[in-house]
Amino acid sequence: PKAAIFVRAYDRRLLVRLRDAPVSGVTREVMDSAVRMAREAMDAVGVDIGEIDRSEAAYRKQDADRLARQRKLGDLSAATRQQLVAAGETWFPAPSRREGNEPG
């Protein structure tokens, strides 16, 4: 039989490993819970619902673009900060100490 397969992926690592798997859908636990909590926090401090929606959409688009690059190569480091800058990415987290940026 041709059954549809749906997978619950704990995180991005598992999702990248599933890139060639014949699945019909994947739910990302960490991503979905993080977005839900961010929405609740923004609402709790009075952020307008329209701004919350725009923030979520922008975050999900950035994440989807980065994930697409990572899945294509099967490599979580395929979208390092330097590669994002080179690709013209305009928003990304501050560099970590591992990337050679010591405080002070």
Protein backbone atom coordinates (compact mmCIF):
# COMPACT_ATOMS: atom_id res chain seq x y z
CA PRO A 1 0.00 0.00 0.00
CA LYS A 2 1.01 3.60 -0.55
CA ALA A 3 0.70 5.03 2.94
CA ALA A 4 1.61 8.63 3.70
CA ILE A 5 4.36 8.91 6.29
CA PHE A 6 4.40 11.82 8.72
CA VAL A 7 7.36 12.36 11.01
CA ARG A 8 7.91 14.33 14.19
CA ALA A 9 11.49 15.62 14.08
CA TYR A 10 12.92 16.79 17.36
CA ASP A 11 15.27 19.33 15.82
CA ARG A 12 17.04 20.61 12.71
CA ARG A 13 19.66 17.83 12.81
CA LEU A 14 17.06 15.13 12.35
CA LEU A 15 15.28 17.14 9.68
CA VAL A 16 18.49 17.44 7.64
CA ARG A 17 19.07 13.69 8.01
CA LEU A 18 15.57 13.08 6.62
CA ARG A 19 16.25 15.02 3.42
CA ASP A 20 15.97 11.98 1.12
CA ALA A 21 13.36 10.08 3.15
CA PRO A 22 10.01 9.48 1.46
CA VAL A 23 7.95 11.40 4.02
CA SER A 24 4.74 13.32 3.37
CA GLY A 25 5.20 15.80 6.18
CA VAL A 26 7.43 16.72 9.10
CA THR A 27 6.68 18.65 12.26
CA ARG A 28 9.67 20.22 13.98
CA GLU A 29 9.18 20.07 17.73
CA VAL A 30 11.82 22.58 18.82
CA MET A 31 11.00 25.08 16.08
CA ASP A 32 7.26 24.98 16.58
CA SER A 33 7.42 25.27 20.36
CA ALA A 34 9.96 28.12 20.14
CA VAL A 35 7.74 30.09 17.74
CA ARG A 36 4.68 29.50 19.91
CA MET A 37 6.51 30.67 23.03
CA ALA A 38 7.90 33.76 21.25
CA ARG A 39 4.39 34.72 20.12
CA GLU A 40 3.09 34.34 23.67
CA ALA A 41 5.95 36.44 25.08
CA MET A 42 5.48 39.19 22.51
CA ASP A 43 1.75 39.26 23.21
CA ALA A 44 2.36 39.40 26.97
CA VAL A 45 4.42 42.57 26.61
CA GLY A 46 1.84 44.23 24.38
CA VAL A 47 3.26 43.80 20.89
CA ASP A 48 0.59 44.36 18.24
CA ILE A 49 -0.76 41.12 16.72
CA GLY A 50 0.11 42.34 13.23
CA GLU A 51 3.73 42.84 14.28
CA ILE A 52 3.77 39.40 15.92
CA ASP A 53 2.49 37.86 12.69
CA ARG A 54 5.07 39.75 10.58
CA SER A 55 7.88 38.74 12.95
CA GLU A 56 6.86 35.10 12.79
CA ALA A 57 6.60 35.17 9.00
CA ALA A 58 10.05 36.79 8.67
CA TYR A 59 11.59 34.29 11.10
CA ARG A 60 10.01 31.29 9.37
CA LYS A 61 11.15 32.52 5.94
CA GLN A 62 14.72 33.04 7.12
CA ASP A 63 14.70 29.62 8.78
CA ALA A 64 13.24 27.94 5.69
CA ASP A 65 15.88 29.53 3.44
CA ARG A 66 18.70 28.46 5.74
CA LEU A 67 17.27 24.98 6.15
CA ALA A 68 16.96 24.59 2.38
CA ARG A 69 20.68 25.32 2.00
CA GLN A 70 21.52 22.90 4.80
CA ARG A 71 19.28 20.12 3.48
CA LYS A 72 20.61 20.50 -0.05
CA LEU A 73 24.14 19.86 1.18
CA GLY A 74 23.21 17.56 4.07
CA ASP A 75 25.36 19.75 6.29
CA LEU A 76 24.27 21.83 9.30
CA SER A 77 27.23 24.15 8.85
CA ALA A 78 26.17 24.98 5.29
CA ALA A 79 24.77 28.29 6.45
CA THR A 80 27.42 29.72 8.74
CA ARG A 81 27.37 33.42 9.54
CA GLN A 82 30.09 34.13 6.96
CA GLN A 83 28.12 32.33 4.24
CA LEU A 84 24.97 34.19 5.21
CA VAL A 85 26.76 37.54 4.97
CA ALA A 86 28.24 36.56 1.62
CA ALA A 87 24.77 35.60 0.39
CA GLY A 88 23.43 39.02 1.38
CA GLU A 89 21.53 37.90 4.48
CA THR A 90 20.49 40.99 6.41
CA TRP A 91 19.46 39.49 9.74
CA PHE A 92 21.24 36.90 11.79
CA PRO A 93 22.23 36.34 15.41
CA ALA A 94 25.31 37.94 16.87
CA PRO A 95 28.47 35.91 16.28
CA SER A 96 29.43 33.45 18.97
CA ARG A 97 32.81 33.24 20.63
CA ARG A 98 33.48 30.08 18.61
CA GLU A 99 33.51 32.26 15.50
CA GLY A 100 36.49 34.19 16.81
CA ASN A 101 34.79 37.17 18.40
CA GLU A 102 35.98 37.55 21.94
CA PRO A 103 34.20 40.07 24.17
CA GLY A 104 35.69 43.47 24.82
